[in-house]
Amino acid sequence: MTKEKSAEIKYEKYKSRDPFPSIPAALLNSADIRSYVDTTGMISPFYDGDLKTASYAARIAGECRVWNGKNNKFEKLELNKNDDKITLLPNSIAFIGIEPTFRLPDYIALRFNLAISHVYKGLLLGTGPLIDPGFVGKIYIPLHNLTSNKYEFAYGEKLIWIEFTKTSPIPCAPKVENEVSRCNKFSPFPEDKKEQELKDYLRKALEKTSYTDVVSSLPPIVKKAEDSADKTKKLLRKIRGWSIIGTIGVIVGIGSLLYSSWTLQNNSLREIRDQMNLLEKDLYLNASNEKNDSRRINDISQSSTNLKERLKEQSEIISELRKRITLLEDKKK
C-alpha cells in the first residue's frame, strides 16, 4: 500500500472522530502534531525532521506559475526532481506549489507563514489565510519579490512554516471508544537559532546567493514615476503657453478684421456721401434748366442709381465680414 493510500484510509476513519479528545483546543505542539499526522494522515508526505516546536516546514514541489515580463503572462513550470528550479525576478510575483497533500479533520485548522530566511530576502507572502477544517488538497503560495534581486527556488526547498490549531469540540460529533495512544516525541527549539542578531538573519537569507544586501525595487519605480510626472507638468505648461499665444493671435486677428471692416465701411460711406453732395449741388445749380436739359438729368439719375448699387454691394461686403467675425469668435470659444 502506498503512503498516499494509507493516509487516505486514516483520514476517512478519523475525519469527524477525534482520536485524542484529551488534547485541548489550542495551538498544537510538535508532539501533538506528530500524533495527529500519524493517526489521521493529515499531511502526506510527512518528514519528521521538518517539525519545529509548534510548526512544520512545507517544501516546494509540483506546479508553479512564474510571471514572464516579456510575454506579459504567467508560465507554468513543474518542479518534480532535484535539478528543477524557478526564478523569481525583481518586482514580480509567482505562485509556488507545496509538496504535501493536506487532509484536515473537521476539528483541525491550519495557517502558514513564509520561512524567516525568505522574509529577510525582502520577499512577501500573500496573506497567509486560515485553511478551514475539512480541507483536502494542495496549496499554492503567492510570493512577491519587492527587491531588485533575482532569487532562485529549488525543488524540495523549505518555503513556509505551518501551524495547526485544534478547534473547540464539535457538538454531536462521533467519539472514539478508546483514545489512541499519543506520541510523546517533542521537538524543542534549536539551540543554534537562539539569540540571533539582525546580521545573522540577513547573512543566512543571502548565503546561497551572490548578493550582499537587500535593495528595494520600489525607489527606482517611484523615481521613474516622478520623472514622468515632471515631464507631464512641463508639457502642460508649454500647452498652456501655446493656448495663451493662440488666444492672443485670435484676438489680434479679430481686431485686425474689425478695423479693416470699419475702415472699408467708413471710406465707402464717405465716398458715397461726397458723391451725393455733388449730385445735390448739380441738381440745385441746374434746377432752372430742368426742362431744357433732360439729358443732364438722366445722367444724374443714372449716376444716382449706380451709387445705390455700390451702396448695396458695400452693405453685402460688410454683412459677409460680420459673418466671418462671428465664425472666428465661435472658434475662439
Protein backbone atom coordinates (compact mmCIF):
# COMPACT_ATOMS: atom_id res chain seq x y z
CA MET A 1 0.00 0.00 0.00
CA THR A 2 1.34 3.45 -0.90
CA LYS A 3 1.81 6.19 1.70
CA GLU A 4 -0.86 8.28 0.00
CA LYS A 5 -3.39 5.44 0.13
CA SER A 6 -2.56 4.78 3.77
CA ALA A 7 -3.04 8.49 4.61
CA GLU A 8 -6.38 8.49 2.80
CA ILE A 9 -7.65 5.50 4.77
CA LYS A 10 -6.59 7.07 8.09
CA TYR A 11 -8.31 10.33 7.17
CA GLU A 12 -11.60 8.64 6.33
CA LYS A 13 -11.54 6.85 9.67
CA TYR A 14 -10.86 9.95 11.78
CA LYS A 15 -12.26 12.75 9.63
CA SER A 16 -15.03 13.53 12.15
CA ARG A 17 -13.95 11.37 15.10
CA ASP A 18 -11.19 12.91 17.25
CA PRO A 19 -8.71 10.16 18.25
CA PHE A 20 -7.27 12.37 21.02
CA PRO A 21 -10.16 14.00 22.91
CA SER A 22 -7.87 14.68 25.85
CA ILE A 23 -5.84 17.18 23.79
CA PRO A 24 -7.45 20.58 24.46
CA ALA A 25 -8.49 23.06 21.77
CA ALA A 26 -5.28 25.02 21.24
CA LEU A 27 -2.26 25.55 19.02
CA LEU A 28 -0.68 22.09 18.69
CA ASN A 29 2.87 21.46 19.80
CA SER A 30 5.24 19.24 17.83
CA ALA A 31 4.38 16.08 19.81
CA ASP A 32 0.65 16.52 19.19
CA ILE A 33 1.23 17.37 15.51
CA ARG A 34 3.06 14.04 15.20
CA SER A 35 0.21 12.24 16.95
CA TYR A 36 -2.43 13.64 14.60
CA VAL A 37 -0.32 13.12 11.45
CA ASP A 38 0.43 9.50 12.35
CA THR A 39 -3.20 8.75 13.19
CA THR A 40 -5.28 10.88 10.79
CA GLY A 41 -2.91 11.16 7.80
CA MET A 42 -3.48 14.95 7.69
CA ILE A 43 -0.09 15.58 5.98
CA SER A 44 1.34 13.36 3.24
CA PRO A 45 4.22 13.03 2.64
CA PHE A 46 5.44 13.93 6.12
CA TYR A 47 9.10 14.43 7.13
CA ASP A 48 9.64 14.11 10.86
CA GLY A 49 12.81 16.21 10.74
CA ASP A 50 10.88 19.22 9.40
CA LEU A 51 8.99 19.68 12.66
CA LYS A 52 9.84 22.56 14.95
CA THR A 53 8.43 23.37 18.41
CA ALA A 54 4.93 24.22 17.17
CA SER A 55 5.18 24.30 13.38
CA TYR A 56 6.01 22.19 10.35
CA ALA A 57 8.15 23.21 7.35
CA ALA A 58 6.49 22.53 3.99
CA ARG A 59 8.65 22.01 0.90
CA ILE A 60 8.36 23.23 -2.68
CA ALA A 61 7.16 20.73 -5.30
CA GLY A 62 4.74 20.35 -8.16
CA GLU A 63 3.07 23.03 -10.28
CA CYS A 64 4.30 26.62 -10.16
CA ARG A 65 3.37 29.75 -12.13
CA VAL A 66 6.01 32.42 -12.77
CA TRP A 67 5.40 35.82 -14.35
CA ASN A 68 7.11 36.36 -17.71
CA GLY A 69 7.51 40.09 -18.32
CA LYS A 70 8.47 39.63 -21.98
CA ASN A 71 5.25 37.81 -22.85
CA ASN A 72 3.13 39.53 -20.17
CA LYS A 73 1.71 36.25 -18.89
CA PHE A 74 2.31 33.51 -16.33
CA GLU A 75 4.37 30.49 -17.37
CA LYS A 76 3.57 27.05 -15.94
CA LEU A 77 6.53 25.11 -14.55
CA GLU A 78 6.77 21.71 -12.84
CA LEU A 79 9.25 21.09 -10.04
CA ASN A 80 9.38 17.31 -9.59
CA LYS A 81 13.07 16.42 -9.30
CA ASN A 82 16.25 17.69 -7.64
CA ASP A 83 17.56 19.85 -10.50
CA ASP A 84 14.25 21.64 -11.09
CA LYS A 85 14.27 25.37 -10.23
CA ILE A 86 12.26 28.51 -10.76
CA THR A 87 13.49 32.11 -10.86
CA LEU A 88 11.65 34.95 -9.17
CA LEU A 89 12.60 38.16 -10.98
CA PRO A 90 12.84 41.60 -9.32
CA ASN A 91 9.50 43.27 -8.67
CA SER A 92 7.50 40.22 -9.77
CA ILE A 93 5.11 37.60 -8.42
CA ALA A 94 4.99 33.80 -8.58
CA PHE A 95 2.61 31.10 -7.38
CA ILE A 96 4.59 28.23 -5.86
CA GLY A 97 3.29 24.72 -5.28
CA ILE A 98 3.74 22.99 -1.92
CA GLU A 99 4.58 19.28 -1.83
CA PRO A 100 2.25 17.68 0.75
CA THR A 101 -1.40 16.88 0.30
CA PHE A 102 -3.41 18.14 3.27
CA ARG A 103 -6.34 16.18 4.68
CA LEU A 104 -7.61 18.25 7.57
CA PRO A 105 -10.03 16.60 10.01
CA ASP A 106 -13.16 18.54 10.95
CA TYR A 107 -11.52 19.71 14.19
CA ILE A 108 -8.12 20.99 12.96
CA ALA A 109 -7.34 24.20 11.04
CA LEU A 110 -4.00 25.46 9.78
CA ARG A 111 -2.25 28.72 8.96
CA PHE A 112 1.07 29.26 7.23
CA ASN A 113 3.75 31.94 7.07
CA LEU A 114 6.85 32.47 4.97
CA ALA A 115 10.08 30.99 6.34
CA ILE A 116 12.03 33.70 8.14
CA SER A 117 15.06 33.34 5.84
CA HIS A 118 12.87 34.29 2.87
CA VAL A 119 11.38 37.22 4.79
CA TYR A 120 14.87 38.67 5.22
CA LYS A 121 15.45 38.36 1.48
CA GLY A 122 12.78 41.02 1.07
CA LEU A 123 10.10 38.60 -0.14
CA LEU A 124 6.46 38.95 0.77
CA LEU A 125 3.94 36.16 1.17
CA GLY A 126 0.38 36.86 0.07
CA THR A 127 -1.67 37.00 3.26
CA GLY A 128 -1.42 33.57 4.88
CA PRO A 129 -5.09 32.57 5.07
CA LEU A 130 -6.77 30.30 7.54
CA ILE A 131 -7.32 26.92 5.93
CA ASP A 132 -10.51 25.58 7.43
CA PRO A 133 -11.07 22.13 8.91
CA GLY A 134 -12.23 19.62 6.31
CA PHE A 135 -9.95 20.93 3.54
CA VAL A 136 -8.44 18.27 1.26
CA GLY A 137 -5.86 19.10 -1.41
CA LYS A 138 -2.66 21.00 -2.12
CA ILE A 139 -1.95 24.69 -1.53
CA TYR A 140 -0.14 27.24 -3.70
CA ILE A 141 1.71 30.20 -2.29
CA PRO A 142 1.60 33.70 -3.88
CA LEU A 143 5.11 35.08 -3.46
CA HIS A 144 6.10 38.71 -4.20
CA ASN A 145 9.66 39.86 -4.83
CA LEU A 146 9.81 43.53 -3.79
CA THR A 147 13.58 43.78 -4.23
CA SER A 148 15.96 44.43 -7.10
CA ASN A 149 17.50 40.97 -6.55
CA LYS A 150 16.76 37.83 -8.57
CA TYR A 151 16.09 34.70 -6.48
CA GLU A 152 16.01 31.00 -7.37
CA PHE A 153 13.88 28.36 -5.67
CA ALA A 154 14.64 24.67 -5.99
CA TYR A 155 12.56 21.51 -5.73
CA GLY A 156 12.41 20.32 -2.09
CA GLU A 157 13.37 23.70 -0.62
CA LYS A 158 11.54 24.69 2.57
CA LEU A 159 9.28 27.67 1.84
CA ILE A 160 6.66 28.03 4.57
CA TRP A 161 6.09 27.09 8.19
CA ILE A 162 2.65 25.74 9.08
CA GLU A 163 0.89 25.87 12.43
CA PHE A 164 -2.05 23.64 13.40
CA THR A 165 -4.88 24.62 15.73
CA LYS A 166 -7.43 22.29 17.26
CA THR A 167 -10.90 23.82 17.36
CA SER A 168 -13.39 23.67 20.19
CA PRO A 169 -15.39 20.39 20.40
CA ILE A 170 -17.96 19.87 17.65
CA PRO A 171 -21.48 19.24 19.03
CA CYS A 172 -22.83 15.76 18.32
CA ALA A 173 -19.55 14.63 16.74
CA PRO A 174 -18.93 10.86 16.95
CA LYS A 175 -16.50 9.83 19.65
CA VAL A 176 -13.87 7.12 19.85
CA GLU A 177 -14.45 4.30 22.34
CA ASN A 178 -10.83 4.24 23.42
CA GLU A 179 -8.39 7.13 22.96
CA VAL A 180 -5.44 6.29 20.72
CA SER A 181 -2.00 6.31 22.28
CA ARG A 182 -0.32 9.70 21.86
CA CYS A 183 3.18 10.36 20.61
CA ASN A 184 5.41 11.83 23.28
CA LYS A 185 8.20 12.97 20.95
CA PHE A 186 8.54 16.75 21.34
CA SER A 187 10.87 18.84 19.15
CA PRO A 188 12.43 21.65 21.21
CA PHE A 189 13.56 24.92 19.67
CA PRO A 190 17.02 24.53 18.03
CA GLU A 191 19.83 25.91 20.18
CA ASP A 192 21.74 27.34 17.19
CA LYS A 193 18.79 29.58 16.32
CA LYS A 194 18.59 31.30 19.68
CA GLU A 195 19.93 34.81 20.43
CA GLN A 196 20.32 35.75 16.77
CA GLU A 197 21.10 39.31 15.67
CA LEU A 198 19.82 41.05 12.56
CA LYS A 199 23.12 40.50 10.74
CA ASP A 200 22.76 36.75 11.35
CA TYR A 201 19.29 36.65 9.77
CA LEU A 202 20.45 38.68 6.76
CA ARG A 203 23.57 36.56 6.30
CA LYS A 204 21.58 33.32 6.37
CA ALA A 205 18.97 34.74 3.98
CA LEU A 206 21.61 35.60 1.34
CA GLU A 207 24.18 32.83 1.96
CA LYS A 208 23.17 30.83 -1.14
CA THR A 209 23.00 33.88 -3.40
CA SER A 210 25.55 36.24 -4.96
CA TYR A 211 24.03 39.25 -3.20
CA THR A 212 25.41 41.05 -0.17
CA ASP A 213 22.40 43.22 0.54
CA VAL A 214 18.66 43.50 0.01
CA VAL A 215 17.67 46.53 -2.07
CA SER A 216 14.06 47.52 -2.62
CA SER A 217 12.89 47.70 -6.23
CA LEU A 218 10.39 50.45 -5.38
CA PRO A 219 12.66 53.57 -5.29
CA PRO A 220 13.66 53.27 -9.00
CA ILE A 221 9.99 52.79 -9.91
CA VAL A 222 8.99 55.81 -7.80
CA LYS A 223 11.82 57.87 -9.35
CA LYS A 224 10.66 56.90 -12.84
CA ALA A 225 7.09 57.88 -11.97
CA GLU A 226 8.26 61.22 -10.55
CA ASP A 227 10.32 61.94 -13.69
CA SER A 228 7.32 61.10 -15.83
CA ALA A 229 5.14 63.42 -13.74
CA ASP A 230 7.70 66.26 -14.10
CA LYS A 231 7.77 65.82 -17.87
CA THR A 232 3.98 65.88 -17.95
CA LYS A 233 3.90 69.11 -15.91
CA LYS A 234 6.40 70.78 -18.26
CA LEU A 235 4.38 69.68 -21.28
CA LEU A 236 1.19 71.07 -19.71
CA ARG A 237 2.93 74.39 -19.07
CA LYS A 238 4.01 74.51 -22.72
CA ILE A 239 0.49 73.67 -23.87
CA ARG A 240 -0.92 76.44 -21.67
CA GLY A 241 1.65 78.85 -23.16
CA TRP A 242 0.65 77.80 -26.64
CA SER A 243 -3.00 78.31 -25.71
CA ILE A 244 -2.32 81.85 -24.47
CA ILE A 245 -0.37 82.70 -27.62
CA GLY A 246 -3.13 81.20 -29.74
CA THR A 247 -5.78 83.20 -27.88
CA ILE A 248 -3.81 86.42 -28.34
CA GLY A 249 -3.44 85.59 -32.03
CA VAL A 250 -7.19 85.09 -32.40
CA ILE A 251 -7.89 88.37 -30.60
CA VAL A 252 -5.39 90.24 -32.78
CA GLY A 253 -6.89 88.62 -35.89
CA ILE A 254 -10.41 89.61 -34.91
CA GLY A 255 -9.25 93.14 -34.05
CA SER A 256 -7.49 93.49 -37.39
CA LEU A 257 -10.54 92.23 -39.23
CA LEU A 258 -12.82 94.60 -37.30
CA TYR A 259 -10.52 97.55 -38.03
CA SER A 260 -10.33 96.64 -41.73
CA SER A 261 -14.10 96.30 -41.87
CA TRP A 262 -14.65 99.63 -40.12
CA THR A 263 -12.14 101.41 -42.39
CA LEU A 264 -13.68 99.93 -45.53
CA GLN A 265 -17.18 100.80 -44.40
CA ASN A 266 -16.19 104.32 -43.36
CA ASN A 267 -14.36 105.03 -46.65
CA SER A 268 -17.24 103.68 -48.71
CA LEU A 269 -19.80 105.75 -46.86
CA ARG A 270 -17.63 108.84 -47.14
CA GLU A 271 -17.25 108.33 -50.90
CA ILE A 272 -20.99 107.81 -51.34
CA ARG A 273 -21.76 110.84 -49.19
CA ASP A 274 -19.41 113.06 -51.23
CA GLN A 275 -20.90 111.91 -54.48
CA MET A 276 -24.45 112.51 -53.17
CA ASN A 277 -23.42 116.04 -52.18
CA LEU A 278 -22.11 116.65 -55.68
CA LEU A 279 -25.36 115.36 -57.16
CA GLU A 280 -27.41 117.59 -54.90
CA LYS A 281 -25.23 120.55 -55.89
CA ASP A 282 -25.64 119.76 -59.57
CA LEU A 283 -29.37 119.40 -59.15
CA TYR A 284 -29.54 122.73 -57.35
CA LEU A 285 -27.44 124.58 -59.94
CA ASN A 286 -29.33 123.13 -62.86
CA ALA A 287 -32.82 123.26 -61.44
CA SER A 288 -33.73 126.29 -63.57
CA ASN A 289 -32.75 124.48 -66.73
CA GLU A 290 -34.55 121.23 -65.89
CA LYS A 291 -36.98 121.40 -68.80
CA ASN A 292 -34.29 122.18 -71.35
CA ASP A 293 -31.63 119.81 -70.07
CA SER A 294 -33.35 116.42 -69.74
CA ARG A 295 -30.23 114.66 -70.89
CA ARG A 296 -28.29 116.02 -67.94
CA ILE A 297 -30.98 114.92 -65.53
CA ASN A 298 -30.98 111.41 -66.99
CA ASP A 299 -27.22 111.25 -66.48
CA ILE A 300 -27.62 112.38 -62.92
CA SER A 301 -30.38 109.82 -62.34
CA GLN A 302 -28.20 107.06 -63.77
CA SER A 303 -25.33 108.12 -61.53
CA SER A 304 -27.64 108.02 -58.53
CA THR A 305 -28.75 104.50 -59.49
CA ASN A 306 -25.12 103.41 -59.80
CA LEU A 307 -24.33 104.84 -56.40
CA LYS A 308 -27.25 102.97 -54.86
CA GLU A 309 -25.96 99.72 -56.38
CA ARG A 310 -22.49 100.38 -54.98
CA LEU A 311 -24.01 101.11 -51.61
CA LYS A 312 -25.86 97.77 -51.77
CA GLU A 313 -22.63 95.94 -52.71
CA GLN A 314 -20.79 97.57 -49.79
CA SER A 315 -23.57 96.52 -47.44
CA GLU A 316 -23.27 92.92 -48.66
CA ILE A 317 -19.49 93.00 -48.14
CA ILE A 318 -19.95 94.37 -44.63
CA SER A 319 -22.53 91.62 -43.88
CA GLU A 320 -20.07 88.95 -45.08
CA LEU A 321 -17.32 90.40 -42.88
CA ARG A 322 -19.62 90.28 -39.87
CA LYS A 323 -20.33 86.58 -40.55
CA ARG A 324 -16.58 85.86 -40.65
CA ILE A 325 -16.06 87.74 -37.39
CA THR A 326 -18.82 85.66 -35.73
CA LEU A 327 -17.21 82.44 -37.02
CA LEU A 328 -13.81 83.43 -35.58
CA GLU A 329 -15.37 84.26 -32.21
CA ASP A 330 -17.09 80.83 -32.11
CA LYS A 331 -13.79 79.09 -32.83
CA LYS A 332 -12.12 81.04 -30.03
CA LYS A 333 -14.76 79.80 -27.58
